[in-house]
Amino acid sequence: MSDVVNVSVEDIQDPGRVLDVREDYEWEAGHIDGALHIPLGQLPERLEELDPDVDYNIICRTGGRSYQATQWLNGNGYGAVNVRGGMDAWLVAEKPIVSDNGQQPTVK
C-alpha cells in the first residue's frame, strides 16, 4: 500500500488542479467551479484526460473514494494528493460551489 499525502481544503489554491471523483448526480448537485470530473469507476478508461505533468488534488464527498483514486493515480505515475474531508470539508470552510442542475448548489 502506498503512502497517500493528505491536504486540507485550505491548501487548494487552483481549482483547475482539482479532480472530483464523485458520481454524476453528486457533481451535478454541487461542485468546485473549474474542477475536472471523472467518477472513480471511470478513472482507468479516462486516464488519458489527465495531464501527467500536473499534480492533482483529488476530492470526493468525505475522502474515501478520493483516497482510493489518489493511491491508484500515484501507483500509475501521476502526482495526486487526497483532499481530507472532501466536499463536506469544502462546505464547512465556506468555499464556493456551483451546480449543473439549475438548483441551489449542495453536496450529496
PDB file of N, CA and C in Angstrom:
ATOM      1  N   MET A   1       0.844  -1.185   0.000  1.00  0.00           N
ATOM      2  CA  MET A   1       0.000   0.000   0.000  1.00  0.00           C
ATOM      3  C   MET A   1       0.889   1.247   0.000  1.00  0.00           C
ATOM      4  N   SER A   2       0.591   2.188  -0.843  1.00  0.00           N
ATOM      5  CA  SER A   2       1.405   3.394  -0.933  1.00  0.00           C
ATOM      6  C   SER A   2       0.987   4.410   0.115  1.00  0.00           C
ATOM      7  N   ASP A   3       1.920   5.273   0.444  1.00  0.00           N
ATOM      8  CA  ASP A   3       1.605   6.363   1.357  1.00  0.00           C
ATOM      9  C   ASP A   3       0.881   7.448   0.573  1.00  0.00           C
ATOM     10  N   VAL A   4      -0.252   7.889   1.103  1.00  0.00           N
ATOM     11  CA  VAL A   4      -1.040   8.926   0.452  1.00  0.00           C
ATOM     12  C   VAL A   4      -0.863  10.223   1.230  1.00  0.00           C
ATOM     13  N   VAL A   5      -0.539  11.282   0.507  1.00  0.00           N
ATOM     14  CA  VAL A   5      -0.431  12.604   1.115  1.00  0.00           C
ATOM     15  C   VAL A   5      -1.837  13.199   1.188  1.00  0.00           C
ATOM     16  N   ASN A   6      -2.189  13.715   2.361  1.00  0.00           N
ATOM     17  CA  ASN A   6      -3.480  14.367   2.561  1.00  0.00           C
ATOM     18  C   ASN A   6      -3.272  15.868   2.706  1.00  0.00           C
ATOM     19  N   VAL A   7      -4.152  16.648   2.088  1.00  0.00           N
ATOM     20  CA  VAL A   7      -4.120  18.099   2.221  1.00  0.00           C
ATOM     21  C   VAL A   7      -5.489  18.573   2.688  1.00  0.00           C
ATOM     22  N   SER A   8      -5.522  19.755   3.263  1.00  0.00           N
ATOM     23  CA  SER A   8      -6.809  20.326   3.680  1.00  0.00           C
ATOM     24  C   SER A   8      -7.381  21.164   2.543  1.00  0.00           C
ATOM     25  N   VAL A   9      -8.674  21.453   2.620  1.00  0.00           N
ATOM     26  CA  VAL A   9      -9.297  22.287   1.588  1.00  0.00           C
ATOM     27  C   VAL A   9      -8.651  23.664   1.555  1.00  0.00           C
ATOM     28  N   GLU A  10      -8.106  24.105   2.668  1.00  0.00           N
ATOM     29  CA  GLU A  10      -7.447  25.416   2.731  1.00  0.00           C
ATOM     30  C   GLU A  10      -6.165  25.444   1.901  1.00  0.00           C
ATOM     31  N   ASP A  11      -5.589  24.269   1.630  1.00  0.00           N
ATOM     32  CA  ASP A  11      -4.347  24.189   0.851  1.00  0.00           C
ATOM     33  C   ASP A  11      -4.586  24.327  -0.645  1.00  0.00           C
ATOM     34  N   ILE A  12      -5.833  24.234  -1.094  1.00  0.00           N
ATOM     35  CA  ILE A  12      -6.133  24.250  -2.522  1.00  0.00           C
ATOM     36  C   ILE A  12      -6.217  25.690  -3.022  1.00  0.00           C
ATOM     37  N   GLN A  13      -5.302  26.022  -3.919  1.00  0.00           N
ATOM     38  CA  GLN A  13      -5.258  27.374  -4.483  1.00  0.00           C
ATOM     39  C   GLN A  13      -5.764  27.426  -5.912  1.00  0.00           C
ATOM     40  N   ASP A  14      -5.668  26.311  -6.643  1.00  0.00           N
ATOM     41  CA  ASP A  14      -6.011  26.286  -8.063  1.00  0.00           C
ATOM     42  C   ASP A  14      -7.103  25.253  -8.321  1.00  0.00           C
ATOM     43  N   PRO A  15      -8.366  25.692  -8.479  1.00  0.00           N
ATOM     44  CA  PRO A  15      -9.451  24.735  -8.742  1.00  0.00           C
ATOM     45  C   PRO A  15      -9.242  23.905 -10.005  1.00  0.00           C
ATOM     46  N   GLY A  16      -8.447  24.393 -10.938  1.00  0.00           N
ATOM     47  CA  GLY A  16      -8.161  23.650 -12.154  1.00  0.00           C
ATOM     48  C   GLY A  16      -7.317  22.409 -11.921  1.00  0.00           C
ATOM     49  N   ARG A  17      -6.766  22.292 -10.731  1.00  0.00           N
ATOM     50  CA  ARG A  17      -5.970  21.113 -10.374  1.00  0.00           C
ATOM     51  C   ARG A  17      -6.748  20.172  -9.451  1.00  0.00           C
ATOM     52  N   VAL A  18      -8.050  20.401  -9.328  1.00  0.00           N
ATOM     53  CA  VAL A  18      -8.907  19.535  -8.518  1.00  0.00           C
ATOM     54  C   VAL A  18      -9.564  18.507  -9.428  1.00  0.00           C
ATOM     55  N   LEU A  19      -9.469  17.245  -9.036  1.00  0.00           N
ATOM     56  CA  LEU A  19     -10.153  16.160  -9.731  1.00  0.00           C
ATOM     57  C   LEU A  19     -11.211  15.608  -8.793  1.00  0.00           C
ATOM     58  N   ASP A  20     -12.469  15.758  -9.183  1.00  0.00           N
ATOM     59  CA  ASP A  20     -13.612  15.290  -8.403  1.00  0.00           C
ATOM     60  C   ASP A  20     -13.981  13.897  -8.905  1.00  0.00           C
ATOM     61  N   VAL A  21     -13.944  12.900  -8.005  1.00  0.00           N
ATOM     62  CA  VAL A  21     -14.197  11.514  -8.409  1.00  0.00           C
ATOM     63  C   VAL A  21     -15.574  11.018  -7.955  1.00  0.00           C
ATOM     64  N   ARG A  22     -16.470  11.951  -7.619  1.00  0.00           N
ATOM     65  CA  ARG A  22     -17.826  11.555  -7.224  1.00  0.00           C
ATOM     66  C   ARG A  22     -18.649  11.169  -8.451  1.00  0.00           C
ATOM     67  N   GLU A  23     -19.816  10.596  -8.190  1.00  0.00           N
ATOM     68  CA  GLU A  23     -20.720  10.183  -9.263  1.00  0.00           C
ATOM     69  C   GLU A  23     -21.352  11.409  -9.936  1.00  0.00           C
ATOM     70  N   ASP A  24     -21.921  11.200 -11.134  1.00  0.00           N
ATOM     71  CA  ASP A  24     -22.510  12.292 -11.906  1.00  0.00           C
ATOM     72  C   ASP A  24     -23.571  13.066 -11.122  1.00  0.00           C
ATOM     73  N   TYR A  25     -24.470  12.364 -10.418  1.00  0.00           N
ATOM     74  CA  TYR A  25     -25.543  13.057  -9.697  1.00  0.00           C
ATOM     75  C   TYR A  25     -24.986  13.926  -8.571  1.00  0.00           C
ATOM     76  N   GLU A  26     -23.879  13.508  -7.978  1.00  0.00           N
ATOM     77  CA  GLU A  26     -23.249  14.308  -6.923  1.00  0.00           C
ATOM     78  C   GLU A  26     -22.615  15.563  -7.523  1.00  0.00           C
ATOM     79  N   TRP A  27     -21.933  15.395  -8.648  1.00  0.00           N
ATOM     80  CA  TRP A  27     -21.292  16.508  -9.352  1.00  0.00           C
ATOM     81  C   TRP A  27     -22.336  17.543  -9.766  1.00  0.00           C
ATOM     82  N   GLU A  28     -23.435  17.068 -10.364  1.00  0.00           N
ATOM     83  CA  GLU A  28     -24.472  17.980 -10.853  1.00  0.00           C
ATOM     84  C   GLU A  28     -25.091  18.794  -9.728  1.00  0.00           C
ATOM     85  N   ALA A  29     -25.199  18.213  -8.544  1.00  0.00           N
ATOM     86  CA  ALA A  29     -25.810  18.910  -7.404  1.00  0.00           C
ATOM     87  C   ALA A  29     -24.916  20.018  -6.862  1.00  0.00           C
ATOM     88  N   GLY A  30     -23.599  19.818  -6.944  1.00  0.00           N
ATOM     89  CA  GLY A  30     -22.689  20.846  -6.449  1.00  0.00           C
ATOM     90  C   GLY A  30     -21.244  20.421  -6.566  1.00  0.00           C
ATOM     91  N   HIS A  31     -20.427  21.307  -7.146  1.00  0.00           N
ATOM     92  CA  HIS A  31     -19.007  21.017  -7.320  1.00  0.00           C
ATOM     93  C   HIS A  31     -18.196  22.310  -7.325  1.00  0.00           C
ATOM     94  N   ILE A  32     -16.892  22.142  -7.303  1.00  0.00           N
ATOM     95  CA  ILE A  32     -15.971  23.270  -7.338  1.00  0.00           C
ATOM     96  C   ILE A  32     -15.877  23.766  -8.777  1.00  0.00           C
ATOM     97  N   ASP A  33     -16.142  25.042  -8.970  1.00  0.00           N
ATOM     98  CA  ASP A  33     -16.073  25.631 -10.306  1.00  0.00           C
ATOM     99  C   ASP A  33     -14.646  25.514 -10.834  1.00  0.00           C
ATOM    100  N   GLY A  34     -14.499  24.953 -12.013  1.00  0.00           N
ATOM    101  CA  GLY A  34     -13.183  24.794 -12.625  1.00  0.00           C
ATOM    102  C   GLY A  34     -12.561  23.435 -12.407  1.00  0.00           C
ATOM    103  N   ALA A  35     -13.154  22.620 -11.531  1.00  0.00           N
ATOM    104  CA  ALA A  35     -12.614  21.282 -11.267  1.00  0.00           C
ATOM    105  C   ALA A  35     -12.875  20.357 -12.450  1.00  0.00           C
ATOM    106  N   LEU A  36     -12.093  19.302 -12.534  1.00  0.00           N
ATOM    107  CA  LEU A  36     -12.273  18.250 -13.525  1.00  0.00           C
ATOM    108  C   LEU A  36     -13.095  17.150 -12.869  1.00  0.00           C
ATOM    109  N   HIS A  37     -13.987  16.528 -13.639  1.00  0.00           N
ATOM    110  CA  HIS A  37     -14.850  15.478 -13.086  1.00  0.00           C
ATOM    111  C   HIS A  37     -14.656  14.168 -13.823  1.00  0.00           C
ATOM    112  N   ILE A  38     -14.176  13.173 -13.106  1.00  0.00           N
ATOM    113  CA  ILE A  38     -14.104  11.802 -13.615  1.00  0.00           C
ATOM    114  C   ILE A  38     -14.515  10.894 -12.456  1.00  0.00           C
ATOM    115  N   PRO A  39     -15.695  10.274 -12.526  1.00  0.00           N
ATOM    116  CA  PRO A  39     -16.091   9.365 -11.441  1.00  0.00           C
ATOM    117  C   PRO A  39     -15.046   8.270 -11.222  1.00  0.00           C
ATOM    118  N   LEU A  40     -14.884   7.861  -9.981  1.00  0.00           N
ATOM    119  CA  LEU A  40     -13.865   6.880  -9.609  1.00  0.00           C
ATOM    120  C   LEU A  40     -13.898   5.648 -10.511  1.00  0.00           C
ATOM    121  N   GLY A  41     -15.069   5.111 -10.788  1.00  0.00           N
ATOM    122  CA  GLY A  41     -15.188   3.905 -11.594  1.00  0.00           C
ATOM    123  C   GLY A  41     -14.766   4.078 -13.047  1.00  0.00           C
ATOM    124  N   GLN A  42     -14.706   5.321 -13.506  1.00  0.00           N
ATOM    125  CA  GLN A  42     -14.313   5.595 -14.898  1.00  0.00           C
ATOM    126  C   GLN A  42     -12.845   5.997 -15.036  1.00  0.00           C
ATOM    127  N   LEU A  43     -12.176   6.141 -13.922  1.00  0.00           N
ATOM    128  CA  LEU A  43     -10.802   6.652 -13.944  1.00  0.00           C
ATOM    129  C   LEU A  43      -9.854   5.827 -14.825  1.00  0.00           C
ATOM    130  N   PRO A  44      -9.855   4.483 -14.744  1.00  0.00           N
ATOM    131  CA  PRO A  44      -8.915   3.736 -15.593  1.00  0.00           C
ATOM    132  C   PRO A  44      -9.090   3.993 -17.095  1.00  0.00           C
ATOM    133  N   GLU A  45     -10.335   4.037 -17.572  1.00  0.00           N
ATOM    134  CA  GLU A  45     -10.521   4.227 -19.015  1.00  0.00           C
ATOM    135  C   GLU A  45     -10.442   5.688 -19.450  1.00  0.00           C
ATOM    136  N   ARG A  46     -10.413   6.624 -18.503  1.00  0.00           N
ATOM    137  CA  ARG A  46     -10.334   8.047 -18.857  1.00  0.00           C
ATOM    138  C   ARG A  46      -9.014   8.683 -18.427  1.00  0.00           C
ATOM    139  N   LEU A  47      -8.055   7.847 -18.100  1.00  0.00           N
ATOM    140  CA  LEU A  47      -6.768   8.331 -17.596  1.00  0.00           C
ATOM    141  C   LEU A  47      -6.097   9.310 -18.554  1.00  0.00           C
ATOM    142  N   GLU A  48      -6.310   9.114 -19.864  1.00  0.00           N
ATOM    143  CA  GLU A  48      -5.657   9.991 -20.852  1.00  0.00           C
ATOM    144  C   GLU A  48      -6.165  11.429 -20.774  1.00  0.00           C
ATOM    145  N   GLU A  49      -7.270  11.664 -20.059  1.00  0.00           N
ATOM    146  CA  GLU A  49      -7.773  13.025 -19.892  1.00  0.00           C
ATOM    147  C   GLU A  49      -6.958  13.820 -18.874  1.00  0.00           C
ATOM    148  N   LEU A  50      -6.113  13.122 -18.122  1.00  0.00           N
ATOM    149  CA  LEU A  50      -5.294  13.784 -17.109  1.00  0.00           C
ATOM    150  C   LEU A  50      -3.918  14.099 -17.658  1.00  0.00           C
ATOM    151  N   ASP A  51      -3.360  15.218 -17.232  1.00  0.00           N
ATOM    152  CA  ASP A  51      -2.019  15.637 -17.629  1.00  0.00           C
ATOM    153  C   ASP A  51      -1.014  15.009 -16.660  1.00  0.00           C
ATOM    154  N   PRO A  52      -0.121  14.158 -17.143  1.00  0.00           N
ATOM    155  CA  PRO A  52       0.838  13.516 -16.240  1.00  0.00           C
ATOM    156  C   PRO A  52       1.820  14.501 -15.598  1.00  0.00           C
ATOM    157  N   ASP A  53       1.866  15.727 -16.094  1.00  0.00           N
ATOM    158  CA  ASP A  53       2.764  16.739 -15.538  1.00  0.00           C
ATOM    159  C   ASP A  53       2.091  17.615 -14.491  1.00  0.00           C
ATOM    160  N   VAL A  54       0.817  17.348 -14.202  1.00  0.00           N
ATOM    161  CA  VAL A  54       0.069  18.143 -13.227  1.00  0.00           C
ATOM    162  C   VAL A  54      -0.108  17.328 -11.946  1.00  0.00           C
ATOM    163  N   ASP A  55       0.071  17.981 -10.808  1.00  0.00           N
ATOM    164  CA  ASP A  55      -0.233  17.356  -9.518  1.00  0.00           C
ATOM    165  C   ASP A  55      -1.673  17.699  -9.169  1.00  0.00           C
ATOM    166  N   TYR A  56      -2.515  16.677  -9.025  1.00  0.00           N
ATOM    167  CA  TYR A  56      -3.944  16.877  -8.795  1.00  0.00           C
ATOM    168  C   TYR A  56      -4.320  16.749  -7.321  1.00  0.00           C
ATOM    169  N   ASN A  57      -5.299  17.561  -6.919  1.00  0.00           N
ATOM    170  CA  ASN A  57      -5.944  17.451  -5.617  1.00  0.00           C
ATOM    171  C   ASN A  57      -7.198  16.620  -5.850  1.00  0.00           C
ATOM    172  N   ILE A  58      -7.274  15.420  -5.269  1.00  0.00           N
ATOM    173  CA  ILE A  58      -8.378  14.503  -5.528  1.00  0.00           C
ATOM    174  C   ILE A  58      -9.422  14.662  -4.436  1.00  0.00           C
ATOM    175  N   ILE A  59     -10.697  14.858  -4.852  1.00  0.00           N
ATOM    176  CA  ILE A  59     -11.759  15.116  -3.894  1.00  0.00           C
ATOM    177  C   ILE A  59     -12.979  14.243  -4.184  1.00  0.00           C
ATOM    178  N   CYS A  60     -13.682  13.851  -3.123  1.00  0.00           N
ATOM    179  CA  CYS A  60     -14.983  13.171  -3.231  1.00  0.00           C
ATOM    180  C   CYS A  60     -15.872  13.800  -2.158  1.00  0.00           C
ATOM    181  N   ARG A  61     -16.809  13.069  -1.611  1.00  0.00           N
ATOM    182  CA  ARG A  61     -17.660  13.688  -0.606  1.00  0.00           C
ATOM    183  C   ARG A  61     -16.976  13.800   0.756  1.00  0.00           C
ATOM    184  N   THR A  62     -16.384  12.687   1.221  1.00  0.00           N
ATOM    185  CA  THR A  62     -15.793  12.709   2.562  1.00  0.00           C
ATOM    186  C   THR A  62     -14.323  12.306   2.607  1.00  0.00           C
ATOM    187  N   GLY A  63     -13.789  11.737   1.537  1.00  0.00           N
ATOM    188  CA  GLY A  63     -12.374  11.399   1.492  1.00  0.00           C
ATOM    189  C   GLY A  63     -12.052   9.944   1.203  1.00  0.00           C
ATOM    190  N   GLY A  64     -13.021   9.055   1.219  1.00  0.00           N
ATOM    191  CA  GLY A  64     -12.769   7.635   0.984  1.00  0.00           C
ATOM    192  C   GLY A  64     -12.452   7.305  -0.459  1.00  0.00           C
ATOM    193  N   ARG A  65     -13.319   7.710  -1.362  1.00  0.00           N
ATOM    194  CA  ARG A  65     -13.090   7.440  -2.786  1.00  0.00           C
ATOM    195  C   ARG A  65     -11.877   8.195  -3.298  1.00  0.00           C
ATOM    196  N   SER A  66     -11.704   9.416  -2.816  1.00  0.00           N
ATOM    197  CA  SER A  66     -10.547  10.198  -3.264  1.00  0.00           C
ATOM    198  C   SER A  66      -9.244   9.567  -2.781  1.00  0.00           C
ATOM    199  N   TYR A  67      -9.263   8.949  -1.611  1.00  0.00           N
ATOM    200  CA  TYR A  67      -8.085   8.238  -1.107  1.00  0.00           C
ATOM    201  C   TYR A  67      -7.734   7.093  -2.051  1.00  0.00           C
ATOM    202  N   GLN A  68      -8.749   6.320  -2.456  1.00  0.00           N
ATOM    203  CA  GLN A  68      -8.527   5.207  -3.386  1.00  0.00           C
ATOM    204  C   GLN A  68      -7.987   5.723  -4.721  1.00  0.00           C
ATOM    205  N   ALA A  69      -8.592   6.791  -5.234  1.00  0.00           N
ATOM    206  CA  ALA A  69      -8.158   7.359  -6.509  1.00  0.00           C
ATOM    207  C   ALA A  69      -6.725   7.872  -6.413  1.00  0.00           C
ATOM    208  N   THR A  70      -6.385   8.507  -5.289  1.00  0.00           N
ATOM    209  CA  THR A  70      -5.033   9.028  -5.095  1.00  0.00           C
ATOM    210  C   THR A  70      -4.019   7.897  -5.103  1.00  0.00           C
ATOM    211  N   GLN A  71      -4.314   6.823  -4.385  1.00  0.00           N
ATOM    212  CA  GLN A  71      -3.424   5.649  -4.381  1.00  0.00           C
ATOM    213  C   GLN A  71      -3.233   5.117  -5.794  1.00  0.00           C
ATOM    214  N   TRP A  72      -4.323   4.955  -6.517  1.00  0.00           N
ATOM    215  CA  TRP A  72      -4.276   4.386  -7.862  1.00  0.00           C
ATOM    216  C   TRP A  72      -3.488   5.288  -8.806  1.00  0.00           C
ATOM    217  N   LEU A  73      -3.766   6.590  -8.755  1.00  0.00           N
ATOM    218  CA  LEU A  73      -3.056   7.532  -9.627  1.00  0.00           C
ATOM    219  C   LEU A  73      -1.566   7.557  -9.312  1.00  0.00           C
ATOM    220  N   ASN A  74      -1.215   7.610  -8.039  1.00  0.00           N
ATOM    221  CA  ASN A  74       0.203   7.600  -7.654  1.00  0.00           C
ATOM    222  C   ASN A  74       0.878   6.320  -8.142  1.00  0.00           C
ATOM    223  N   GLY A  75       0.178   5.192  -8.029  1.00  0.00           N
ATOM    224  CA  GLY A  75       0.716   3.918  -8.478  1.00  0.00           C
ATOM    225  C   GLY A  75       0.905   3.836  -9.991  1.00  0.00           C
ATOM    226  N   ASN A  76       0.209   4.708 -10.715  1.00  0.00           N
ATOM    227  CA  ASN A  76       0.316   4.745 -12.170  1.00  0.00           C
ATOM    228  C   ASN A  76       1.144   5.932 -12.660  1.00  0.00           C
ATOM    229  N   GLY A  77       1.920   6.520 -11.755  1.00  0.00           N
ATOM    230  CA  GLY A  77       2.867   7.551 -12.152  1.00  0.00           C
ATOM    231  C   GLY A  77       2.345   8.974 -12.189  1.00  0.00           C
ATOM    232  N   TYR A  78       1.135   9.197 -11.673  1.00  0.00           N
ATOM    233  CA  TYR A  78       0.557  10.540 -11.642  1.00  0.00           C
ATOM    234  C   TYR A  78       0.752  11.164 -10.263  1.00  0.00           C
ATOM    235  N   GLY A  79       0.906  12.476 -10.252  1.00  0.00           N
ATOM    236  CA  GLY A  79       1.010  13.196  -8.991  1.00  0.00           C
ATOM    237  C   GLY A  79      -0.383  13.511  -8.470  1.00  0.00           C
ATOM    238  N   ALA A  80      -0.679  13.012  -7.273  1.00  0.00           N
ATOM    239  CA  ALA A  80      -2.006  13.230  -6.703  1.00  0.00           C
ATOM    240  C   ALA A  80      -1.931  13.247  -5.184  1.00  0.00           C
ATOM    241  N   VAL A  81      -2.744  14.120  -4.587  1.00  0.00           N
ATOM    242  CA  VAL A  81      -2.897  14.163  -3.130  1.00  0.00           C
ATOM    243  C   VAL A  81      -4.384  14.097  -2.807  1.00  0.00           C
ATOM    244  N   ASN A  82      -4.696  13.547  -1.660  1.00  0.00           N
ATOM    245  CA  ASN A  82      -6.073  13.387  -1.212  1.00  0.00           C
ATOM    246  C   ASN A  82      -6.522  14.624  -0.435  1.00  0.00           C
ATOM    247  N   VAL A  83      -7.715  15.129  -0.771  1.00  0.00           N
ATOM    248  CA  VAL A  83      -8.269  16.274  -0.040  1.00  0.00           C
ATOM    249  C   VAL A  83      -9.023  15.731   1.179  1.00  0.00           C
ATOM    250  N   ARG A  84      -8.465  15.960   2.345  1.00  0.00           N
ATOM    251  CA  ARG A  84      -9.011  15.471   3.612  1.00  0.00           C
ATOM    252  C   ARG A  84     -10.395  16.076   3.873  1.00  0.00           C
ATOM    253  N   GLY A  85     -11.370  15.203   4.119  1.00  0.00           N
ATOM    254  CA  GLY A  85     -12.723  15.659   4.429  1.00  0.00           C
ATOM    255  C   GLY A  85     -13.589  15.925   3.213  1.00  0.00           C
ATOM    256  N   GLY A  86     -12.995  15.961   2.028  1.00  0.00           N
ATOM    257  CA  GLY A  86     -13.743  16.099   0.783  1.00  0.00           C
ATOM    258  C   GLY A  86     -14.631  17.327   0.682  1.00  0.00           C
ATOM    259  N   MET A  87     -15.703  17.169  -0.085  1.00  0.00           N
ATOM    260  CA  MET A  87     -16.634  18.271  -0.324  1.00  0.00           C
ATOM    261  C   MET A  87     -17.341  18.700   0.959  1.00  0.00           C
ATOM    262  N   ASP A  88     -17.518  17.780   1.903  1.00  0.00           N
ATOM    263  CA  ASP A  88     -18.104  18.169   3.188  1.00  0.00           C
ATOM    264  C   ASP A  88     -17.218  19.219   3.867  1.00  0.00           C
ATOM    265  N   ALA A  89     -15.903  18.990   3.860  1.00  0.00           N
ATOM    266  CA  ALA A  89     -14.969  19.951   4.449  1.00  0.00           C
ATOM    267  C   ALA A  89     -14.942  21.253   3.650  1.00  0.00           C
ATOM    268  N   TRP A  90     -15.102  21.146   2.332  1.00  0.00           N
ATOM    269  CA  TRP A  90     -15.129  22.335   1.461  1.00  0.00           C
ATOM    270  C   TRP A  90     -16.287  23.247   1.890  1.00  0.00           C
ATOM    271  N   LEU A  91     -17.456  22.631   2.127  1.00  0.00           N
ATOM    272  CA  LEU A  91     -18.619  23.417   2.558  1.00  0.00           C
ATOM    273  C   LEU A  91     -18.417  24.020   3.939  1.00  0.00           C
ATOM    274  N   VAL A  92     -17.872  23.240   4.867  1.00  0.00           N
ATOM    275  CA  VAL A  92     -17.622  23.734   6.223  1.00  0.00           C
ATOM    276  C   VAL A  92     -16.696  24.951   6.170  1.00  0.00           C
ATOM    277  N   ALA A  93     -15.734  24.928   5.250  1.00  0.00           N
ATOM    278  CA  ALA A  93     -14.793  26.043   5.081  1.00  0.00           C
ATOM    279  C   ALA A  93     -15.429  27.218   4.332  1.00  0.00           C
ATOM    280  N   GLU A  94     -16.701  27.043   3.944  1.00  0.00           N
ATOM    281  CA  GLU A  94     -17.467  28.083   3.245  1.00  0.00           C
ATOM    282  C   GLU A  94     -16.818  28.495   1.921  1.00  0.00           C
ATOM    283  N   LYS A  95     -16.260  27.518   1.239  1.00  0.00           N
ATOM    284  CA  LYS A  95     -15.709  27.766  -0.089  1.00  0.00           C
ATOM    285  C   LYS A  95     -16.835  27.626  -1.106  1.00  0.00           C
ATOM    286  N   PRO A  96     -16.774  28.344  -2.218  1.00  0.00           N
ATOM    287  CA  PRO A  96     -17.890  28.367  -3.179  1.00  0.00           C
ATOM    288  C   PRO A  96     -18.038  27.083  -3.984  1.00  0.00           C
ATOM    289  N   ILE A  97     -19.283  26.752  -4.305  1.00  0.00           N
ATOM    290  CA  ILE A  97     -19.585  25.653  -5.218  1.00  0.00           C
ATOM    291  C   ILE A  97     -20.652  26.111  -6.198  1.00  0.00           C
ATOM    292  N   VAL A  98     -20.731  25.405  -7.312  1.00  0.00           N
ATOM    293  CA  VAL A  98     -21.730  25.676  -8.352  1.00  0.00           C
ATOM    294  C   VAL A  98     -22.477  24.381  -8.639  1.00  0.00           C
ATOM    295  N   SER A  99     -23.645  24.501  -9.284  1.00  0.00           N
ATOM    296  CA  SER A  99     -24.396  23.298  -9.660  1.00  0.00           C
ATOM    297  C   SER A  99     -24.641  23.294 -11.157  1.00  0.00           C
ATOM    298  N   ASP A 100     -24.956  22.104 -11.680  1.00  0.00           N
ATOM    299  CA  ASP A 100     -25.272  21.963 -13.108  1.00  0.00           C
ATOM    300  C   ASP A 100     -26.751  21.659 -13.306  1.00  0.00           C
ATOM    301  N   ASN A 101     -27.542  21.707 -12.250  1.00  0.00           N
ATOM    302  CA  ASN A 101     -28.943  21.300 -12.368  1.00  0.00           C
ATOM    303  C   ASN A 101     -29.926  22.458 -12.200  1.00  0.00           C
ATOM    304  N   GLY A 102     -29.444  23.694 -12.177  1.00  0.00           N
ATOM    305  CA  GLY A 102     -30.300  24.845 -12.053  1.00  0.00           C
ATOM    306  C   GLY A 102     -30.845  25.097 -10.653  1.00  0.00           C
ATOM    307  N   GLN A 103     -30.406  24.287  -9.699  1.00  0.00           N
ATOM    308  CA  GLN A 103     -30.855  24.442  -8.320  1.00  0.00           C
ATOM    309  C   GLN A 103     -29.726  24.994  -7.451  1.00  0.00           C
ATOM    310  N   GLN A 104     -30.083  25.350  -6.229  1.00  0.00           N
ATOM    311  CA  GLN A 104     -29.081  25.822  -5.277  1.00  0.00           C
ATOM    312  C   GLN A 104     -28.006  24.747  -5.110  1.00  0.00           C
ATOM    313  N   PRO A 105     -26.718  25.092  -5.253  1.00  0.00           N
ATOM    314  CA  PRO A 105     -25.662  24.080  -5.114  1.00  0.00           C
ATOM    315  C   PRO A 105     -25.683  23.432  -3.727  1.00  0.00           C
ATOM    316  N   THR A 106     -25.479  22.137  -3.689  1.00  0.00           N
ATOM    317  CA  THR A 106     -25.412  21.388  -2.444  1.00  0.00           C
ATOM    318  C   THR A 106     -24.484  20.207  -2.622  1.00  0.00           C
ATOM    319  N   VAL A 107     -24.092  19.596  -1.534  1.00  0.00           N
ATOM    320  CA  VAL A 107     -23.238  18.406  -1.586  1.00  0.00           C
ATOM    321  C   VAL A 107     -24.098  17.197  -1.263  1.00  0.00           C
ATOM    322  N   LYS A 108     -24.086  16.222  -2.175  1.00  0.00           N
ATOM    323  CA  LYS A 108     -24.823  14.965  -1.955  1.00  0.00           C
ATOM    324  C   LYS A 108     -23.852  13.841  -1.793  1.00  0.00           C
TER     325      LYS A 108
END
